[in-house]
Every structure is written in structure tokens, then in C-alpha cells.
Protein backbone atom coordinates (compact mmCIF):
# COMPACT_ATOMS: atom_id res chain seq x y z
CA LYS A 1 2.51 -51.98 -82.68
CA TYR A 2 2.19 -50.07 -85.60
CA GLY A 3 -0.52 -47.02 -85.68
CA GLY A 4 -0.70 -47.78 -81.60
CA MET A 5 1.03 -45.53 -78.62
CA SER A 6 4.55 -44.94 -78.77
CA GLY A 7 7.17 -46.80 -76.40
CA PHE A 8 8.23 -43.09 -75.52
CA PRO A 9 6.92 -39.54 -75.27
CA LYS A 10 5.83 -38.10 -78.40
CA ARG A 11 4.50 -34.73 -78.90
CA LYS A 12 2.41 -35.08 -81.19
CA GLU A 13 1.20 -38.22 -79.56
CA SER A 14 -0.18 -36.50 -76.58
CA GLU A 15 0.05 -33.03 -74.96
CA CYS A 16 0.81 -34.62 -71.99
CA ASP A 17 4.06 -35.38 -73.65
CA CYS A 18 6.22 -32.50 -73.96
CA PHE A 19 9.59 -33.88 -75.31
CA ASP A 20 10.24 -36.62 -77.71
CA THR A 21 12.70 -38.60 -76.09
CA GLY A 22 14.26 -42.38 -76.52
CA HIS A 23 18.02 -41.97 -75.85
CA SER A 24 19.12 -41.52 -72.62
CA SER A 25 20.57 -38.41 -70.61
CA THR A 26 18.59 -35.80 -72.24
CA SER A 27 16.26 -34.50 -69.81
CA ILE A 28 17.96 -32.14 -67.69
CA SER A 29 18.99 -30.08 -70.75
CA ALA A 30 15.74 -30.26 -72.21
CA GLY A 31 14.38 -29.00 -69.09
CA LEU A 32 16.61 -26.38 -68.55
CA GLY A 33 15.58 -25.46 -72.16
CA TYR A 34 11.86 -25.21 -71.14
CA ALA A 35 12.49 -22.91 -67.76
CA LEU A 36 14.71 -20.34 -69.83
CA ALA A 37 12.03 -20.02 -71.49
CA ARG A 38 9.82 -19.86 -69.05
CA GLU A 39 11.85 -16.63 -67.78
CA ILE A 40 12.02 -14.80 -70.93
CA THR A 41 8.42 -15.02 -72.12
CA GLY A 42 7.15 -14.34 -68.18
CA GLU A 43 5.31 -17.47 -67.70
CA ASP A 44 4.61 -19.19 -64.75
CA TYR A 45 4.64 -22.96 -64.57
CA LYS A 46 6.78 -25.32 -63.19
CA VAL A 47 9.62 -27.42 -64.75
CA VAL A 48 10.67 -31.00 -63.91
CA SER A 49 13.00 -33.24 -65.45
CA VAL A 50 13.34 -36.87 -64.28
CA ILE A 51 16.68 -38.83 -65.08
CA GLY A 52 17.57 -42.17 -63.77
CA ASP A 53 20.74 -43.25 -62.15
CA GLY A 54 22.05 -45.13 -65.50
CA ALA A 55 21.21 -41.83 -67.60
CA LEU A 56 23.25 -39.70 -64.89
CA THR A 57 26.54 -41.23 -66.00
CA GLY A 58 25.75 -39.70 -69.90
CA GLY A 59 28.34 -36.90 -70.00
CA MET A 60 25.14 -34.50 -71.22
CA ALA A 61 23.64 -34.78 -68.00
CA PHE A 62 26.51 -33.17 -66.19
CA GLU A 63 26.93 -30.78 -69.12
CA ALA A 64 23.19 -29.67 -68.09
CA LEU A 65 23.98 -30.02 -64.24
CA ASN A 66 26.61 -27.42 -64.72
CA ASN A 67 24.59 -25.13 -66.81
CA ALA A 68 21.69 -25.31 -64.46
CA ALA A 69 23.43 -24.24 -61.42
CA ARG A 70 23.15 -20.50 -62.80
CA LEU A 71 19.38 -20.60 -63.21
CA LYS A 72 17.64 -17.74 -61.07
CA SER A 73 14.38 -19.44 -60.92
CA ASN A 74 13.03 -22.92 -59.96
CA PHE A 75 13.93 -25.86 -61.65
CA ILE A 76 13.11 -29.53 -60.13
CA ILE A 77 15.47 -32.30 -60.96
CA ILE A 78 13.94 -35.85 -60.09
CA LEU A 79 17.13 -38.41 -59.93
CA ASN A 80 15.11 -41.55 -60.06
CA ASP A 81 18.05 -43.98 -58.42
CA ASN A 82 16.52 -47.41 -59.01
CA ASN A 83 20.28 -49.62 -58.45
CA MET A 84 21.37 -47.29 -55.74
CA SER A 85 24.56 -46.57 -57.39
CA ILE A 86 24.44 -43.30 -55.65
CA SER A 87 23.87 -43.53 -52.17
CA GLU A 88 21.54 -46.06 -49.99
CA ASN A 89 21.19 -43.73 -47.45
CA VAL A 90 17.62 -43.35 -47.02
CA GLY A 91 17.02 -41.89 -43.14
CA GLY A 92 16.12 -39.51 -40.90
CA LEU A 93 19.28 -37.10 -40.76
CA SER A 94 18.95 -36.51 -44.59
CA SER A 95 15.29 -35.98 -44.24
CA TYR A 96 15.20 -33.63 -41.45
CA LEU A 97 18.46 -31.94 -42.91
CA ALA A 98 16.47 -31.56 -46.64
CA GLY A 99 13.16 -30.26 -44.81
CA PHE A 100 15.08 -27.55 -42.80
CA ARG A 101 17.47 -26.29 -45.66
CA THR A 102 13.90 -25.70 -47.69
CA ALA A 103 11.88 -24.23 -45.00
CA ASP A 104 10.83 -20.19 -45.57
CA ALA A 105 12.35 -19.15 -42.65
CA TYR A 106 15.61 -21.03 -43.36
CA LEU A 107 15.96 -19.49 -46.97
CA ASP A 108 14.64 -16.10 -45.28
CA LEU A 109 17.18 -16.03 -42.88
CA LYS A 110 19.88 -17.33 -45.44
CA LEU A 111 19.30 -14.58 -48.00
CA ASN A 112 19.08 -11.62 -45.09
CA VAL A 113 22.40 -12.91 -43.72
CA LEU A 114 24.49 -12.98 -46.90
CA ASN A 115 22.98 -9.36 -48.03
CA SER A 116 24.12 -8.01 -44.41
CA LEU A 117 27.46 -9.20 -44.71
CA ASN A 118 27.79 -8.38 -48.68
CA LYS A 119 27.52 -4.67 -47.12
CA MET A 120 30.18 -4.58 -44.55
CA PRO A 121 33.78 -4.23 -45.28
CA TYR A 122 35.26 -7.36 -45.99
CA GLY A 123 32.36 -9.16 -46.16
CA GLU A 124 32.62 -10.79 -49.02
CA LYS A 125 35.74 -12.73 -48.02
CA MET A 126 33.74 -13.34 -44.73
CA VAL A 127 31.11 -15.08 -47.19
CA SER A 128 33.52 -17.03 -48.73
CA LYS A 129 34.75 -18.23 -45.31
CA ILE A 130 31.61 -19.27 -43.79
CA ARG A 131 30.74 -20.94 -47.32
CA LYS A 132 34.12 -22.88 -47.12
CA THR A 133 33.81 -23.85 -43.43
CA LYS A 134 29.86 -24.86 -44.25
CA SER A 135 30.66 -26.75 -47.06
CA GLY A 136 33.11 -28.91 -45.14
CA ILE A 137 30.60 -29.68 -42.20
CA LYS A 138 28.47 -30.57 -45.43
CA GLN A 139 30.59 -32.86 -46.60
CA LEU A 140 30.09 -35.02 -43.44
CA LEU A 141 26.64 -34.92 -43.11
CA ILE A 142 24.79 -34.41 -46.41
CA PRO A 143 25.25 -37.27 -49.35
CA GLY A 144 24.49 -34.96 -52.39
CA MET A 145 27.41 -32.61 -51.77
CA PHE A 146 28.61 -33.36 -55.71
CA PHE A 147 25.24 -31.20 -56.24
CA GLU A 148 25.55 -28.63 -53.90
CA ASP A 149 29.52 -27.86 -54.86
CA MET A 150 27.93 -27.31 -58.17
CA GLY A 151 25.15 -24.66 -56.88
CA ILE A 152 22.37 -27.02 -57.08
CA THR A 153 20.12 -28.00 -53.82
CA TYR A 154 20.34 -31.62 -53.26
CA LEU A 155 17.20 -33.29 -51.00
CA GLY A 156 17.14 -36.69 -50.28
CA PRO A 157 18.01 -39.58 -50.44
CA VAL A 158 13.72 -40.20 -50.52
CA ASP A 159 12.09 -43.36 -50.40
CA GLY A 160 10.27 -42.85 -53.90
CA HIS A 161 7.70 -45.43 -52.87
CA ASP A 162 7.02 -43.42 -49.50
CA LEU A 163 3.90 -41.38 -51.11
CA LYS A 164 3.87 -39.01 -47.81
CA THR A 165 7.00 -38.18 -47.69
CA LEU A 166 7.66 -38.18 -51.46
CA THR A 167 5.10 -35.63 -51.87
CA LYS A 168 6.43 -33.42 -48.66
CA THR A 169 9.96 -33.55 -50.40
CA LEU A 170 8.61 -32.22 -53.88
CA ASN A 171 6.92 -29.63 -52.36
CA GLU A 172 9.47 -28.58 -50.37
CA ALA A 173 11.78 -28.45 -54.13
CA LYS A 174 8.82 -25.92 -55.26
CA ARG A 175 9.87 -23.19 -52.95
CA VAL A 176 13.83 -23.16 -53.75
CA ASN A 177 14.56 -20.22 -56.26
CA HIS A 178 17.12 -21.96 -58.48
CA ALA A 179 17.88 -25.77 -59.46
CA VAL A 180 17.05 -28.33 -56.89
CA LEU A 181 17.62 -32.28 -57.30
CA VAL A 182 15.40 -34.47 -55.46
CA HIS A 183 17.27 -37.73 -54.94
CA VAL A 184 14.44 -40.59 -55.27
CA VAL A 185 15.35 -44.37 -54.43
CA THR A 186 13.14 -46.67 -55.98
CA LYS A 187 12.90 -50.66 -56.63
CA LYS A 188 12.64 -51.62 -60.48
CA GLY A 189 9.84 -54.04 -61.17
CA LYS A 190 8.38 -52.87 -57.55
CA GLY A 191 5.16 -54.90 -56.98
CA TYR A 192 5.67 -57.62 -59.73
CA LEU A 193 7.70 -60.21 -58.80
CA PRO A 194 9.16 -61.49 -62.01
CA ALA A 195 10.10 -57.96 -62.93
CA GLU A 196 11.90 -57.30 -59.51
CA THR A 197 13.89 -60.55 -59.66
CA ASN A 198 14.98 -59.98 -63.16
CA PRO A 199 14.87 -56.20 -63.59
CA SER A 200 17.21 -56.33 -66.94
CA LYS A 201 14.80 -58.56 -68.84
CA PHE A 202 11.99 -56.35 -68.09
CA HIS A 203 13.39 -53.38 -68.84
CA GLY A 204 12.39 -53.90 -72.33
CA THR A 205 10.41 -56.75 -73.22
CA GLY A 206 7.96 -58.39 -75.88
CA PRO A 207 4.92 -60.23 -75.28
CA PHE A 208 5.03 -62.24 -71.64
CA ASP A 209 2.78 -64.31 -69.39
CA VAL A 210 1.72 -62.25 -67.03
CA THR A 211 1.68 -64.89 -64.43
CA THR A 212 4.96 -66.64 -64.85
CA GLY A 213 7.16 -63.62 -66.64
CA GLU A 214 7.85 -65.87 -69.11
CA THR A 215 8.36 -64.63 -72.48
CA ILE A 216 5.89 -65.88 -74.83
CA GLY A 217 7.23 -66.57 -78.76
CA GLY A 218 10.40 -66.70 -80.43
CA SER A 219 12.25 -69.23 -82.71
CA GLY A 220 15.13 -70.31 -80.32
CA LYS A 221 17.47 -69.92 -83.23
CA ASP A 222 20.90 -67.77 -82.73
CA SER A 223 20.34 -64.13 -83.56
CA TYR A 224 23.20 -62.24 -85.13
CA THR A 225 24.04 -60.85 -81.76
CA ASP A 226 24.24 -64.68 -80.27
CA ILE A 227 26.63 -65.25 -83.21
CA PHE A 228 28.43 -62.30 -82.40
CA SER A 229 28.54 -62.93 -78.60
CA LYS A 230 29.83 -66.90 -79.00
CA VAL A 231 32.56 -65.92 -81.42
CA LEU A 232 33.93 -63.25 -79.74
CA ALA A 233 34.16 -65.47 -76.54
CA ASP A 234 36.28 -68.00 -78.71
CA ILE A 235 38.83 -65.46 -80.02
CA GLY A 236 38.94 -64.05 -76.29
CA LYS A 237 40.15 -67.11 -75.48
CA LYS A 238 42.78 -67.34 -78.10
CA ASP A 239 43.81 -63.28 -77.63
CA GLU A 240 44.51 -61.65 -74.35
CA LYS A 241 44.72 -58.43 -75.97
CA VAL A 242 41.18 -58.42 -77.10
CA VAL A 243 38.83 -56.36 -74.54
CA ALA A 244 35.70 -55.66 -74.94
CA ILE A 245 33.27 -52.24 -74.50
CA THR A 246 29.92 -51.70 -73.54
CA ALA A 247 27.57 -48.39 -72.87
CA ALA A 248 25.52 -50.07 -70.24
CA MET A 249 24.08 -52.66 -72.96
CA ALA A 250 26.06 -55.99 -71.82
CA ASP A 251 23.17 -58.14 -72.47
CA GLY A 252 21.79 -56.29 -75.25
CA THR A 253 24.72 -56.69 -77.52
CA GLY A 254 25.57 -59.85 -76.41
CA LEU A 255 28.72 -59.09 -74.58
CA SER A 256 27.56 -60.78 -70.81
CA ARG A 257 29.32 -63.70 -72.15
CA PHE A 258 32.76 -62.16 -72.73
CA ALA A 259 32.44 -60.65 -69.29
CA LYS A 260 31.61 -63.76 -67.37
CA LEU A 261 34.91 -65.35 -68.96
CA PHE A 262 37.15 -62.56 -69.16
CA PRO A 263 36.20 -60.06 -66.37
CA GLU A 264 39.44 -58.54 -66.29
CA ARG A 265 39.15 -57.57 -69.99
CA PHE A 266 35.45 -56.09 -70.28
CA PHE A 267 34.54 -52.64 -69.61
CA ASP A 268 30.96 -51.47 -68.88
CA VAL A 269 31.44 -47.83 -68.87
CA GLY A 270 27.64 -46.73 -68.33
CA ILE A 271 25.55 -44.87 -70.83
CA ALA A 272 28.51 -42.71 -71.88
CA GLU A 273 28.89 -43.46 -75.99
CA GLU A 274 31.29 -40.85 -76.42
CA HIS A 275 33.78 -41.64 -73.81
CA ALA A 276 33.45 -45.54 -74.86
CA MET A 277 34.64 -44.54 -78.32
CA THR A 278 37.64 -42.57 -77.30
CA PHE A 279 38.73 -45.15 -74.27
CA ALA A 280 38.13 -47.93 -76.83
CA ALA A 281 41.34 -45.61 -79.38
CA GLY A 282 43.26 -45.43 -76.07
CA LEU A 283 42.72 -49.43 -75.17
CA ALA A 284 44.30 -49.67 -79.23
CA ALA A 285 46.59 -46.97 -78.77
CA GLY A 286 48.32 -49.48 -75.75
CA GLY A 287 48.36 -52.10 -78.07
CA MET A 288 45.07 -53.69 -77.37
CA LYS A 289 42.09 -55.13 -79.78
CA PRO A 290 39.34 -53.12 -78.44
CA VAL A 291 35.55 -54.33 -79.61
CA PHE A 292 33.20 -51.51 -78.84
CA ALA A 293 29.49 -53.11 -79.14
CA VAL A 294 26.88 -50.70 -79.64
CA TYR A 295 23.55 -50.38 -80.82
CA SER A 296 23.31 -48.19 -84.04
CA SER A 297 20.78 -45.69 -83.29
CA PHE A 298 23.38 -44.91 -79.84
CA LEU A 299 26.58 -45.11 -82.19
CA GLN A 300 25.13 -41.89 -83.61
CA ARG A 301 26.07 -39.79 -79.93
CA ALA A 302 29.89 -40.84 -80.63
CA PHE A 303 30.16 -39.62 -84.18
CA ASP A 304 33.05 -37.26 -83.24
CA GLN A 305 35.06 -39.19 -81.16
CA THR A 306 34.69 -42.25 -83.89
CA ILE A 307 36.31 -39.38 -86.55
CA HIS A 308 38.67 -37.44 -84.29
CA ASP A 309 40.00 -40.17 -81.92
CA VAL A 310 39.81 -43.28 -83.73
CA CYS A 311 39.64 -42.83 -87.54
CA LEU A 312 42.03 -39.72 -87.74
CA GLN A 313 44.85 -41.77 -85.56
CA ASN A 314 43.47 -45.03 -87.68
CA LEU A 315 43.40 -46.97 -84.47
CA PRO A 316 42.16 -50.71 -84.65
CA VAL A 317 39.09 -50.13 -83.14
CA VAL A 318 36.41 -52.80 -83.92
CA ILE A 319 32.73 -51.31 -83.70
CA ALA A 320 30.32 -53.66 -83.39
CA VAL A 321 27.17 -51.85 -85.04
CA ASP A 322 24.12 -53.77 -83.82
CA ARG A 323 20.53 -53.06 -84.20
CA ALA A 324 21.07 -51.83 -87.78
CA GLY A 325 18.27 -51.31 -89.80
CA LEU A 326 15.05 -51.10 -89.06
CA VAL A 327 13.65 -52.48 -85.49
CA GLY A 328 10.71 -51.91 -85.15
CA SER A 329 8.49 -51.19 -82.15
CA ASP A 330 11.03 -49.00 -80.36
CA GLY A 331 10.33 -46.58 -83.41
CA GLU A 332 12.11 -43.45 -84.40
CA THR A 333 14.24 -42.90 -82.20
CA HIS A 334 15.73 -46.52 -82.49
CA GLN A 335 15.31 -47.05 -85.97
CA GLY A 336 19.21 -47.90 -87.21
CA VAL A 337 18.98 -46.47 -90.44
CA PHE A 338 21.68 -43.47 -90.44
CA ASP A 339 24.76 -45.43 -89.51
CA LEU A 340 26.09 -46.23 -93.50
CA SER A 341 25.61 -42.75 -93.98
CA PHE A 342 27.14 -41.19 -91.17
CA LEU A 343 30.08 -43.89 -91.04
CA SER A 344 30.74 -43.78 -95.17
CA SER A 345 31.64 -40.41 -94.82
CA ILE A 346 34.64 -41.11 -92.49
CA PRO A 347 38.44 -41.34 -93.93
CA ASN A 348 40.30 -45.06 -92.67
CA LEU A 349 36.88 -46.21 -91.52
CA SER A 350 36.11 -49.73 -93.21
CA ILE A 351 32.54 -50.99 -93.34
CA LEU A 352 31.40 -54.53 -93.57
CA SER A 353 28.20 -56.58 -92.99
CA PRO A 354 27.16 -60.13 -93.60
CA LYS A 355 24.61 -61.91 -95.59
CA ASN A 356 23.78 -64.82 -93.16
CA ARG A 357 24.87 -66.35 -89.97
CA TRP A 358 28.13 -68.25 -91.43
CA GLU A 359 29.29 -65.19 -92.67
CA MET A 360 28.71 -63.00 -89.33
CA ALA A 361 30.80 -65.32 -87.85
CA ASP A 362 33.48 -65.02 -90.04
CA MET A 363 33.23 -61.23 -90.48
CA VAL A 364 33.42 -60.94 -86.69
CA ARG A 365 37.03 -62.89 -86.85
CA PHE A 366 37.85 -60.96 -89.98
CA ALA A 367 37.47 -57.55 -88.04
CA VAL A 368 39.37 -58.35 -84.78
CA ASP A 369 42.68 -59.66 -87.04
CA PHE A 370 42.02 -56.11 -89.36
CA GLN A 371 44.98 -53.64 -88.17
CA TYR A 372 42.58 -50.56 -88.58
CA PRO A 373 39.55 -48.81 -87.66
CA VAL A 374 36.58 -51.16 -89.11
CA ALA A 375 32.41 -51.01 -88.00
CA LEU A 376 30.77 -54.57 -88.68
CA ARG A 377 27.27 -54.03 -89.09
CA TYR A 378 24.39 -56.59 -88.56
CA PRO A 379 20.67 -56.36 -87.37
CA ARG A 380 18.54 -57.30 -84.75
CA GLY A 381 16.91 -60.58 -84.90
CA GLU A 382 16.89 -64.34 -85.58
CA ALA A 383 20.27 -64.56 -88.47
CA TYR A 384 19.51 -65.44 -91.91
CA GLU A 385 20.06 -69.24 -92.54
CA GLY A 386 20.11 -69.05 -96.53
CA LEU A 387 22.68 -68.87 -98.95
CA LYS A 388 24.48 -71.21 -97.09
CA GLU A 389 26.23 -72.65 -99.81
CA PHE A 390 28.08 -69.50 -100.55
CA ARG A 391 31.18 -69.18 -98.08
CA ALA A 392 34.38 -67.50 -99.87
CA PRO A 393 36.90 -66.16 -98.02
CA ILE A 394 36.48 -62.68 -97.38
CA GLU A 395 39.09 -60.61 -99.40
CA TYR A 396 39.26 -57.03 -98.35
CA GLY A 397 37.08 -54.31 -100.29
CA LYS A 398 35.67 -57.16 -102.32
CA SER A 399 32.34 -58.16 -102.90
CA GLU A 400 30.99 -61.66 -103.50
CA LEU A 401 29.06 -62.98 -106.84
CA LEU A 402 26.49 -65.36 -105.93
CA TYR A 403 24.54 -65.86 -109.54
CA GLU A 404 26.21 -64.79 -112.40
CA GLU A 405 23.58 -63.92 -115.30
CA SER A 406 23.10 -60.76 -117.28
CA GLU A 407 20.05 -57.98 -117.92
CA ILE A 408 19.73 -57.30 -114.20
CA ALA A 409 21.82 -57.54 -111.63
CA VAL A 410 20.72 -56.73 -107.60
CA MET A 411 23.05 -56.30 -105.24
CA PHE A 412 22.46 -56.27 -101.67
CA VAL A 413 23.71 -54.90 -98.05
CA GLY A 414 24.36 -57.52 -95.33
CA HIS A 415 20.97 -59.05 -94.05
CA MET A 416 18.85 -57.49 -96.97
CA SER A 417 20.17 -61.04 -98.49
CA PHE A 418 16.64 -62.67 -98.08
CA LEU A 419 14.98 -59.97 -99.87
CA ALA A 420 17.19 -59.72 -102.47
CA GLU A 421 16.63 -63.38 -102.89
CA GLN A 422 13.41 -62.79 -103.31
CA VAL A 423 13.43 -59.96 -105.87
CA ARG A 424 15.65 -62.39 -107.94
CA GLU A 425 13.16 -65.07 -107.67
CA ASP A 426 10.64 -62.78 -108.67
CA LEU A 427 12.13 -60.98 -111.66
CA LYS A 428 13.25 -64.35 -112.90
CA ALA A 429 9.33 -65.42 -112.77
CA ALA A 430 8.88 -62.28 -114.95
CA GLY A 431 11.45 -63.46 -117.54
CA TYR A 432 14.29 -61.59 -116.79
CA GLN A 433 17.82 -62.88 -116.49
CA CYS A 434 19.08 -61.99 -113.05
CA SER A 435 22.77 -61.51 -111.27
CA LEU A 436 23.04 -61.52 -107.32
CA ILE A 437 25.82 -59.83 -105.62
CA ASN A 438 26.74 -59.40 -102.16
CA ALA A 439 28.34 -56.13 -101.48
CA ARG A 440 29.56 -57.45 -98.08
CA PHE A 441 31.72 -54.01 -97.96
CA VAL A 442 30.15 -51.02 -98.04
CA LYS A 443 33.46 -49.12 -97.76
CA PRO A 444 35.60 -49.41 -99.53
CA LEU A 445 33.38 -49.82 -102.67
CA ASP A 446 34.29 -52.82 -104.73
CA THR A 447 34.52 -50.79 -108.08
CA GLU A 448 35.50 -53.46 -110.22
CA MET A 449 32.53 -55.57 -109.68
CA ILE A 450 30.28 -52.52 -111.10
CA ARG A 451 32.27 -52.56 -113.74
CA LYS A 452 32.32 -56.09 -114.68
CA ILE A 453 28.80 -55.78 -114.34
CA SER A 454 28.08 -52.88 -116.57
CA GLU A 455 29.71 -54.98 -119.44
CA ASN A 456 26.59 -57.19 -119.66
CA HIS A 457 23.83 -55.74 -117.60
CA ARG A 458 21.48 -52.59 -118.18
CA ILE A 459 20.10 -52.37 -114.46
CA LEU A 460 21.95 -52.35 -111.19
CA VAL A 461 19.75 -52.32 -108.22
CA THR A 462 20.78 -51.84 -104.97
CA ILE A 463 19.50 -52.82 -101.81
CA GLU A 464 20.17 -51.56 -98.12
CA GLU A 465 18.40 -50.82 -95.14
CA ASN A 466 19.64 -47.36 -94.26
CA VAL A 467 18.68 -43.93 -95.80
CA LEU A 468 19.12 -43.38 -98.95
CA THR A 469 20.85 -40.30 -98.61
CA GLY A 470 24.55 -40.89 -98.31
CA GLY A 471 23.98 -44.74 -98.28
CA PHE A 472 25.30 -47.63 -100.08
CA GLY A 473 23.16 -47.09 -103.45
CA GLU A 474 24.54 -43.41 -103.65
CA GLN A 475 27.91 -44.19 -103.72
CA VAL A 476 27.52 -46.79 -106.17
CA GLU A 477 25.48 -44.12 -108.17
CA ASP A 478 27.72 -41.13 -107.99
CA PHE A 479 30.79 -43.75 -109.31
CA VAL A 480 28.63 -45.23 -112.01
CA MET A 481 28.04 -41.46 -112.72
CA ARG A 482 31.27 -40.20 -112.65
CA GLU A 483 33.05 -42.56 -114.32
CA ASP A 484 30.35 -42.27 -117.03
CA ILE A 485 29.37 -46.03 -116.73
CA PRO A 486 26.81 -47.09 -119.01
CA LEU A 487 24.47 -48.62 -116.58
CA LYS A 488 20.79 -47.73 -114.94
CA VAL A 489 21.29 -47.38 -111.26
CA ARG A 490 18.09 -48.60 -109.45
CA THR A 491 18.52 -47.23 -105.16
CA ILE A 492 16.21 -49.16 -103.10
CA GLY A 493 16.38 -48.11 -99.32
CA ILE A 494 14.58 -45.37 -97.03
CA SER A 495 13.63 -42.14 -97.88
CA ASP A 496 14.68 -39.04 -96.45
CA ASP A 497 12.23 -39.51 -93.29
CA TYR A 498 11.62 -40.89 -89.77
CA VAL A 499 10.45 -44.34 -89.47
CA GLU A 500 7.50 -44.99 -87.09
CA HIS A 501 7.13 -47.60 -84.64
CA GLY A 502 5.66 -51.37 -85.86
CA ASN A 503 6.04 -54.43 -86.77
CA VAL A 504 9.27 -54.46 -89.44
CA ASP A 505 7.71 -56.55 -92.29
CA VAL A 506 4.61 -53.83 -91.75
CA LEU A 507 7.31 -50.87 -91.60
CA ARG A 508 9.41 -52.19 -94.73
CA LYS A 509 6.11 -52.53 -96.77
CA GLU A 510 5.41 -48.82 -95.72
CA VAL A 511 8.77 -47.46 -96.96
CA GLY A 512 9.07 -49.55 -100.40
CA LEU A 513 11.26 -52.31 -98.81
CA ASP A 514 9.46 -55.15 -99.60
CA ARG A 515 9.76 -57.56 -102.36
CA GLU A 516 6.80 -56.50 -104.77
CA SER A 517 7.26 -52.92 -104.63
CA ILE A 518 11.17 -53.28 -105.41
CA VAL A 519 10.00 -55.68 -108.47
CA LYS A 520 7.67 -52.96 -109.69
CA LYS A 521 10.13 -50.35 -109.70
CA VAL A 522 12.75 -52.30 -111.45
CA ILE A 523 10.29 -53.64 -114.20
CA ALA A 524 9.59 -49.90 -115.01
CA ASP A 525 12.73 -49.21 -115.13
CA ASP A 526 13.64 -51.51 -117.75
CA ARG A 527 9.99 -50.57 -119.72
CA ARG A 528 11.56 -46.87 -119.60
CA ILE A 529 14.94 -48.12 -120.86
CA GLU A 530 13.31 -50.00 -123.98
CA GLU A 531 11.00 -47.23 -124.68
CA GLU A 532 14.21 -44.55 -125.19
CA LYS A 533 15.66 -47.08 -127.28
């Protein structure tokens, strides 16, 4: 909650948090950095990186493992395998081998033999032959040869709920003078039956009844994600070329429905957003209609692939940008407030965002039928049911004029519709005439509408839940300035900063994205204009 503890490690919050995290697959890279810093400074401490079996599917983790193999001092990597996706072999043989291979006598003998052989003529060739033979035998006996082949000692699998064995294994790992991976098998939700039964639900949950595990609260109304899920499934029934992709977030992005109906056309690539985007590009090049559903904050990881593999080739990939805008409790690492800025900079990519539940459905259909790269941006939470009477057909690159008056025009992006309505009400109550425009498309910009507004309005207010730098408002401001259009532009968005965790309504007030703050700014602008006259 706002002002409370973060849901993720946060250095400024506690000395026990050594690295800020929130996204996946980062711990080995960060830990390796700590280990090498320790070597350079000559300090003496242990470095332990913990990574889940899901996070290990991220390419960054493998890049780090490859780099860690060169380390000449102790570095412990704990693989928390709570889905047994790597190995089920928790048994006596592997425990015995793990203990034997890290015993002091074994390590000393190994080092002495290698040193002796290397001093002999042809010793290096003998060492190479021995290693190959040893590896062939170990492939049959040791489940972690993938890591061993990279030069990382593998220990395990070990039962993570057997504290005595786990402690023994970790003590053994501390004796290894290079990178060592401890494979720990655990049960997700262990000790709490509702979580054991439904681990996905409890991966990230709001308030719930401890006795039953049932969620408390919630309106029961469809979210934007729910609408996306239903409409995409309907489209999938009619068009066999439509395929769906997720990076380990099938439930969160609403693709579970599509997966059940069309399992052969659904792909969960694991926590690998970079791969997912290029995979989507390949599917599109092969004649399919790929829809990649991804959280805004995780889409950041696939920026290069969006440019290089999708948009450079102008391939018809739909990027369904879920959790756009402020998401609340997950905090800085998860706020989806940068996507409009980084996506707007990419040539060939169109960006659109819905004002309410009905426009969301229309935009999903539009995006899937579009023959070029397109990003559909929508927020977390309940879909807005206001402005129901406005449902003009979607025309490429065109905004939607909802109320046409004069003096002040409010132009909003997507789910800021409810806030824009409130602002308009307050401005009218203050005696102003006020037009209301649904941007619909962030890119391309509807320049014709801006020119039209300038004919009988003196202020254009843009509202977006995105950082101002590089966002929608800045694009409007830039166009007005370059074209020397006589119009004052007031951009409303998020300043150049990271937004803390907390209730979304509280956060909006904190960043000045609430009706009272916006109305005050607009009226102050109008007074300045009058004074300048």
C-alpha cells in the first residue's frame, strides 16, 4: 500500500535488500557483478543469487551463466525449481555425488592431478581426453550436466523443504572456488493448502480470506483484459491464421481462454519477451496473424526486437499492451508509463487505445485485421462503461470528437476518458465552453483535428497516463510549435520520474493526474492568456 513496504526488494527501503528487482531473470547478472566487485576490492563475503525455474527461461539468465563460468572465486546460484520443470530426480545418488564432488579431499586431489598432468609432455591432450571421458559418464549419472558443460558446478537436486540436507548442500557450495549452482526443488505455496492447490492464483493476489483462500472484494465486472480475451477467442473461431503468444502470463493477459479453445495455435514461450517478439515476427512472415499479449512493463525488454524484427520488416504483428498506465501496488518496476514514449519512436508502428469497453472490442477486431505492426494499449482493471453513446467506426489515424464546443478542448488517450469527462464537467461548471476529443490513435497523430481545434479554441489539454517525455502530449505540442498554430497546449501526464507503489487513485493525485489538479492548471493557463492580451 501507499507508504508501506514494497512488494519487491528495494535498496532504499532496507539494508537487507541488496538489489532492486521486479522483473525476472536478473539475479545471476547482478550477483556476478557483486562477485567481481568483491574480487576487485579484495573484500570477503559470499554472493548468492536466487533464480526460479521460470525466470531461468529468460535469455538474460543464460547470458549470465555463460559469463559466470569464467569466475575464479565462489559464487552461489540457487535454482528454486517449484514446478519440477528441470528435473524430478531428488534422490540418494545425486546427493552422494554432490557431496563427494565438493569434499575437500576430492577438490585437492582433482587440482593436484591436473597440475601434475599439465607439467608432463602431452599432458594437456591427456587432460582433454580425461575430461571428455568424464563428461560422457557424468551425462548418464548427473542431471545437471547442462550447467557442468558451461563450467558451473552443479549440486542437486535437493529437497528445499528438507532443511538439514539443504543446509549441508549450501555449506558444500561455499567450498567451491568458482560458480556453483544448487538445484533446489520446492512446492509452490507449501504449507498453505489454497496456495498449493492454486499456485497461479496466489502468485500475485489481492486481499483474501485466509481460511478459504477466496478473494475479497472486486466488482465482478469485465476488465479490459477480459474483453480482449473474449473477442480474440471469437476471432480465433473464424480465422485459423490467428495465433496467440504469451511470455509465461497466459492467465494475466487473458490468453488462457484462447489456449483452451485452440491449443495448437497458442504458444507460451516462457519468460522470454525478446524471443516472443521475434517469434511473432517469424509467424507473421510465415503468413500467420500473431497476437503477442504482454504487460507494458515487460514489453520494455523487447524494444530492440520490436524495432529490428517486427517494424523494420513492416510485419503484421499485434502487440496487445496490457497493464498500461499506473498499475498500483507493484510499484516502480511495474508501472506501465513508458510504452507510449518508446513505441512512438518506432517507424511503421501504429498505436491505438480504447476509451471504454465497447471501443476495446472494436479495437481488438481492428488490430487483428490490420496488415501492419500495431500496438493496442489498455490498462489493468475494470473496463469503463461511460460514453456508451459514442461508438463511431474506427477510421485509421482519426480521433473522435465527442463534444464540440469552443474555448478549451480536452483530448485524452484511452482509459483517461473518465478523467477527461470529469475535467470537462468542472470546466463547464466554472463557466467555460469545453470540447472533448478521444485521441484513439497515439500514432499516427490526427493533425487535421488539431488544426480544426485551433480555429475556435485557445487551449488544448492533452491527458495521458504515460510519462510526458516522448509521450502523446509532447507530440501534439511539437506539431503545434512546428506548424506555428495559434494554440496553447497544456500537457497532462507523469513527470520525469518513477512512481512508487500504492492505490492508483492515490498515485494519480500524487503525480497531478487528478481532476482537481488538472482543472487548476487549465484555469491558470487561461488567466495567463487573458493577462498577456
